[in-house]
N, C-alpha and C. Protein backbone atom coordinates (compact mmCIF):
# COMPACT_ATOMS: atom_id res chain seq x y z
N MET A 1 5.98 25.74 -14.30
CA MET A 1 6.60 24.64 -13.73
C MET A 1 5.59 23.31 -13.79
N PRO A 2 6.00 22.20 -14.29
CA PRO A 2 4.90 21.02 -14.29
C PRO A 2 4.82 20.60 -12.65
N ARG A 3 3.79 20.06 -12.59
CA ARG A 3 3.41 19.78 -11.10
C ARG A 3 4.18 18.76 -10.68
N ASP A 4 4.77 17.91 -11.43
CA ASP A 4 5.67 16.69 -10.68
C ASP A 4 7.24 17.07 -10.71
N GLU A 5 7.50 18.24 -11.15
CA GLU A 5 9.02 18.77 -11.19
C GLU A 5 9.78 18.58 -9.93
N LYS A 6 9.20 19.06 -8.93
CA LYS A 6 9.86 18.75 -7.54
C LYS A 6 10.13 17.55 -7.26
N GLN A 7 9.27 16.33 -7.49
CA GLN A 7 9.27 15.01 -7.46
C GLN A 7 10.30 14.62 -8.39
N ARG A 8 10.27 14.94 -9.60
CA ARG A 8 11.51 14.66 -10.48
C ARG A 8 12.82 14.84 -10.07
N LYS A 9 13.04 16.32 -9.32
CA LYS A 9 14.33 16.67 -8.84
C LYS A 9 14.71 15.80 -7.54
N ALA A 10 13.73 15.63 -6.96
CA ALA A 10 13.89 14.55 -5.69
C ALA A 10 14.31 13.34 -6.06
N TYR A 11 14.17 12.85 -7.19
CA TYR A 11 14.55 11.52 -7.94
C TYR A 11 15.99 11.62 -8.31
N GLU A 12 16.08 12.63 -8.79
CA GLU A 12 17.67 12.76 -9.34
C GLU A 12 18.36 12.99 -8.23
N PHE A 13 18.09 13.71 -7.25
CA PHE A 13 18.92 13.82 -6.28
C PHE A 13 19.18 12.65 -5.36
N LEU A 14 18.27 11.63 -5.13
CA LEU A 14 18.27 10.55 -4.57
C LEU A 14 19.00 9.39 -5.40
N LEU A 15 18.57 9.45 -6.61
CA LEU A 15 19.74 8.62 -7.43
C LEU A 15 21.07 8.81 -7.36
N ASP A 16 21.46 10.19 -7.48
CA ASP A 16 22.76 10.41 -7.30
C ASP A 16 23.42 9.92 -6.20
N HIS A 17 22.44 10.30 -5.03
CA HIS A 17 23.00 9.90 -3.67
C HIS A 17 22.98 8.35 -3.37
N ALA A 18 22.26 7.82 -4.01
CA ALA A 18 22.13 6.19 -4.08
C ALA A 18 23.45 5.54 -4.51
N ARG A 19 23.82 6.16 -5.79
CA ARG A 19 25.01 5.51 -6.38
C ARG A 19 26.38 5.93 -5.75
N SER A 20 26.42 7.01 -5.18
CA SER A 20 27.59 7.58 -4.36
C SER A 20 27.56 7.28 -3.00
N GLN A 21 26.29 6.66 -2.42
CA GLN A 21 26.24 6.40 -0.94
C GLN A 21 26.64 7.92 0.08
N GLN A 22 26.67 8.84 -0.50
CA GLN A 22 27.11 10.00 0.09
C GLN A 22 25.78 10.58 0.89
N GLN A 23 26.07 10.85 2.36
CA GLN A 23 25.20 11.19 3.13
C GLN A 23 24.64 12.65 3.01
N PHE A 24 23.32 12.95 3.53
CA PHE A 24 22.88 14.12 3.02
C PHE A 24 21.88 14.61 4.32
N THR A 25 21.43 15.86 4.14
CA THR A 25 20.42 16.35 5.32
C THR A 25 19.39 16.62 4.79
N ALA A 26 18.10 16.83 5.39
CA ALA A 26 16.89 17.40 4.85
C ALA A 26 17.12 18.64 4.09
N GLU A 27 17.85 19.55 4.64
CA GLU A 27 18.12 20.86 4.04
C GLU A 27 18.85 20.81 2.70
N ASP A 28 19.79 19.75 2.52
CA ASP A 28 20.32 19.48 1.13
C ASP A 28 19.26 19.07 0.01
N LEU A 29 18.27 18.17 0.44
CA LEU A 29 17.09 17.84 -0.38
C LEU A 29 16.35 18.86 -0.49
N ALA A 30 15.98 19.86 0.33
CA ALA A 30 15.10 20.98 0.15
C ALA A 30 15.77 21.74 -0.81
N ARG A 31 17.02 22.16 -0.67
CA ARG A 31 17.76 23.19 -1.35
C ARG A 31 17.64 22.58 -2.78
N PHE A 32 17.87 21.38 -3.08
CA PHE A 32 18.05 20.85 -4.62
C PHE A 32 16.72 20.74 -5.20
N THR A 33 15.62 20.65 -4.52
CA THR A 33 14.31 20.29 -5.32
C THR A 33 13.64 21.67 -4.94
N GLU A 34 14.05 22.65 -4.24
CA GLU A 34 13.08 23.78 -3.85
C GLU A 34 11.99 23.54 -3.18
N TRP A 35 12.06 22.56 -2.39
CA TRP A 35 10.85 22.39 -1.39
C TRP A 35 11.37 23.29 -0.16
N GLY A 36 10.32 23.53 0.67
CA GLY A 36 10.85 24.35 2.11
C GLY A 36 11.30 23.09 2.84
N LYS A 37 12.02 23.40 3.95
CA LYS A 37 12.53 22.37 4.79
C LYS A 37 11.52 21.29 5.59
N ALA A 38 10.47 22.14 5.73
CA ALA A 38 9.36 21.19 6.51
C ALA A 38 8.79 20.12 5.52
N THR A 39 8.80 20.43 4.32
CA THR A 39 8.16 19.55 3.01
C THR A 39 9.06 18.69 2.72
N ALA A 40 10.48 18.80 2.93
CA ALA A 40 11.69 17.93 2.93
C ALA A 40 11.45 16.83 3.84
N ASP A 41 11.60 17.48 5.27
CA ASP A 41 11.32 16.63 6.33
C ASP A 41 10.16 15.53 6.34
N THR A 42 9.01 16.04 5.99
CA THR A 42 7.93 15.23 5.86
C THR A 42 8.05 13.99 4.82
N TYR A 43 8.62 14.60 3.70
CA TYR A 43 8.82 13.26 2.60
C TYR A 43 9.70 12.26 3.20
N LEU A 44 10.89 12.83 3.87
CA LEU A 44 11.80 12.01 4.10
C LEU A 44 11.27 10.91 5.35
N LYS A 45 10.61 11.14 6.12
CA LYS A 45 10.14 10.89 7.28
C LYS A 45 8.72 9.84 6.94
N LYS A 46 7.95 10.26 6.00
CA LYS A 46 6.57 9.31 5.81
C LYS A 46 7.12 8.54 4.49
N GLN A 47 6.87 9.46 3.34
CA GLN A 47 6.78 8.59 2.05
C GLN A 47 8.38 7.89 1.71
N MET A 48 9.29 8.65 1.98
CA MET A 48 10.64 7.93 1.58
C MET A 48 11.31 6.95 2.80
N ARG A 49 10.63 6.71 3.74
CA ARG A 49 11.37 6.04 4.81
C ARG A 49 11.49 4.61 4.54
N SER A 50 11.04 3.98 3.28
CA SER A 50 11.62 2.84 3.10
C SER A 50 12.80 3.01 2.21
N ILE A 51 13.09 4.03 1.59
CA ILE A 51 14.30 4.04 0.69
C ILE A 51 15.61 4.94 1.33
N VAL A 52 15.38 5.46 2.62
CA VAL A 52 16.69 6.15 3.16
C VAL A 52 16.67 5.56 4.60
N GLU A 53 17.88 5.55 4.99
CA GLU A 53 18.27 5.46 6.59
C GLU A 53 18.76 6.56 7.07
N LYS A 54 18.33 6.88 8.40
CA LYS A 54 18.71 8.07 9.08
C LYS A 54 19.53 7.59 10.22
N ALA A 55 20.60 8.28 10.25
CA ALA A 55 21.68 8.30 11.40
C ALA A 55 21.75 9.68 11.96
N GLU A 56 21.10 10.07 13.15
CA GLU A 56 21.11 11.47 13.57
C GLU A 56 20.37 12.34 12.49
N SER A 57 20.99 13.52 12.20
CA SER A 57 20.39 14.29 11.32
C SER A 57 20.95 14.10 9.72
N LEU A 58 21.65 13.01 9.63
CA LEU A 58 22.04 12.43 8.21
C LEU A 58 21.25 11.35 7.52
N TYR A 59 20.88 11.45 6.38
CA TYR A 59 20.33 10.60 5.63
C TYR A 59 21.18 9.67 4.46
N ARG A 60 20.75 8.62 4.15
CA ARG A 60 21.65 7.63 3.17
C ARG A 60 20.59 6.79 2.71
N VAL A 61 20.76 7.09 1.18
CA VAL A 61 19.68 6.26 0.29
C VAL A 61 20.04 4.87 0.26
N LYS A 62 19.19 3.99 0.43
CA LYS A 62 19.49 2.73 0.22
C LYS A 62 19.84 2.20 -1.25
N ARG A 63 20.84 1.11 -1.52
CA ARG A 63 21.30 0.83 -2.85
C ARG A 63 20.11 0.50 -3.68
N HIS A 64 19.33 -0.19 -3.06
CA HIS A 64 18.18 -0.83 -3.99
C HIS A 64 17.60 0.26 -4.65
N PHE A 65 17.46 1.75 -4.23
CA PHE A 65 17.04 2.86 -5.07
C PHE A 65 17.19 2.81 -6.42
N ILE A 66 18.53 2.46 -6.86
CA ILE A 66 18.74 2.61 -8.16
C ILE A 66 17.92 1.76 -9.31
N HIS A 67 17.13 1.08 -8.72
CA HIS A 67 16.45 -0.03 -9.64
C HIS A 67 14.78 0.66 -9.57
N LEU A 68 14.50 1.66 -9.09
CA LEU A 68 13.30 2.20 -9.11
C LEU A 68 13.28 3.20 -10.22
N GLN A 69 12.47 3.08 -11.10
CA GLN A 69 12.17 3.98 -12.22
C GLN A 69 11.71 5.31 -11.91
N GLU A 70 11.97 6.26 -12.64
CA GLU A 70 11.66 7.57 -12.14
C GLU A 70 9.91 7.95 -12.12
N ASP A 71 9.35 7.24 -13.03
CA ASP A 71 7.76 7.43 -12.91
C ASP A 71 7.17 6.78 -11.91
N ASP A 72 7.84 5.84 -11.66
CA ASP A 72 7.34 4.91 -10.49
C ASP A 72 7.45 5.65 -9.04
N PHE A 73 8.61 6.39 -8.85
CA PHE A 73 8.97 7.25 -7.90
C PHE A 73 7.97 8.39 -7.76
N VAL A 74 7.90 8.95 -9.04
CA VAL A 74 6.74 10.14 -8.93
C VAL A 74 5.21 9.74 -8.47
N LYS A 75 5.10 8.48 -9.27
CA LYS A 75 3.52 8.27 -8.45
C LYS A 75 3.40 7.79 -7.14
N ARG A 76 4.57 7.09 -6.78
CA ARG A 76 4.46 6.89 -5.31
C ARG A 76 4.70 8.23 -4.23
N THR A 77 5.16 9.06 -4.96
CA THR A 77 5.62 10.12 -3.90
C THR A 77 4.45 11.23 -3.90
N SER A 78 3.60 11.01 -4.96
CA SER A 78 2.72 12.04 -5.36
C SER A 78 1.74 12.40 -4.02
N GLN A 79 1.21 13.86 -4.04
CA GLN A 79 0.51 13.97 -3.08
C GLN A 79 -1.03 13.73 -3.47
N LYS A 80 -1.14 13.68 -4.68
CA LYS A 80 -2.67 13.61 -5.21
C LYS A 80 -2.74 11.99 -5.61
N LYS A 81 -3.92 11.68 -4.86
CA LYS A 81 -4.19 10.17 -4.81
C LYS A 81 -5.39 10.09 -5.61
N ASN A 82 -5.34 9.01 -6.40
CA ASN A 82 -6.43 8.57 -7.27
C ASN A 82 -7.79 8.21 -6.65
N ILE A 83 -8.88 9.12 -6.97
CA ILE A 83 -9.97 8.83 -5.94
C ILE A 83 -10.94 7.61 -6.58
N LEU A 84 -10.91 7.31 -7.96
CA LEU A 84 -11.52 6.26 -8.61
C LEU A 84 -10.83 5.07 -8.39
N PRO A 85 -11.51 4.02 -8.04
CA PRO A 85 -10.66 2.84 -7.92
C PRO A 85 -9.88 2.20 -9.55
N SER A 86 -8.99 1.47 -9.49
CA SER A 86 -8.43 1.32 -10.90
C SER A 86 -8.61 -0.22 -10.90
N TYR A 87 -9.95 -0.48 -11.32
CA TYR A 87 -10.76 -1.98 -11.71
C TYR A 87 -11.27 -1.92 -12.99
N ALA A 88 -11.52 -3.03 -13.69
CA ALA A 88 -12.48 -3.13 -14.79
C ALA A 88 -13.74 -3.35 -14.32
N ARG A 89 -14.64 -2.67 -15.00
CA ARG A 89 -16.10 -2.80 -14.41
C ARG A 89 -16.77 -4.15 -15.11
N THR A 90 -17.39 -5.04 -14.56
CA THR A 90 -18.03 -6.17 -15.00
C THR A 90 -19.59 -5.92 -15.06
N SER A 91 -20.14 -6.03 -16.02
CA SER A 91 -21.65 -5.94 -15.96
C SER A 91 -22.30 -6.93 -15.17
N PHE A 92 -23.44 -6.67 -14.75
CA PHE A 92 -24.47 -7.53 -13.74
C PHE A 92 -24.90 -8.58 -14.54
N ASP A 93 -25.16 -8.61 -15.51
CA ASP A 93 -25.45 -9.77 -16.35
C ASP A 93 -24.38 -10.87 -16.52
N SER A 94 -23.22 -10.55 -16.78
CA SER A 94 -22.09 -11.50 -17.00
C SER A 94 -21.80 -12.21 -15.62
N LEU A 95 -22.12 -11.26 -14.61
CA LEU A 95 -21.69 -12.18 -13.26
C LEU A 95 -22.74 -13.27 -12.97
N PHE A 96 -24.01 -13.16 -13.41
CA PHE A 96 -24.89 -14.09 -12.94
C PHE A 96 -25.44 -14.62 -14.36
N LYS A 97 -24.82 -15.01 -15.26
CA LYS A 97 -25.20 -15.54 -16.47
C LYS A 97 -25.80 -16.89 -16.20
N ILE A 98 -26.78 -17.21 -16.89
CA ILE A 98 -27.36 -18.71 -16.46
C ILE A 98 -27.32 -19.40 -17.60
N GLY A 99 -26.99 -20.64 -17.80
CA GLY A 99 -27.00 -21.41 -18.92
C GLY A 99 -25.63 -22.02 -19.20
């Protein structure tokens, strides 16, 4: 199983629910993605809080989610963080060039 398969399943689930505006529970998400309930709860409360609305024990995906690309979603919800900064290195000489 690829490392990001469950995030991709979550994207599929959320996209379907964004389109239909059908409410769901954390258990529904857990069952579809094969995450444990605690994992689904954590994702919904922390990493997905900007894309879902909660009313008691039910969630609804905000409509703007349909504009988010799958690869962007996977990157944003990945537990793996990039250790190295993403910038272009500049040499010392080019910073202090005289002349």
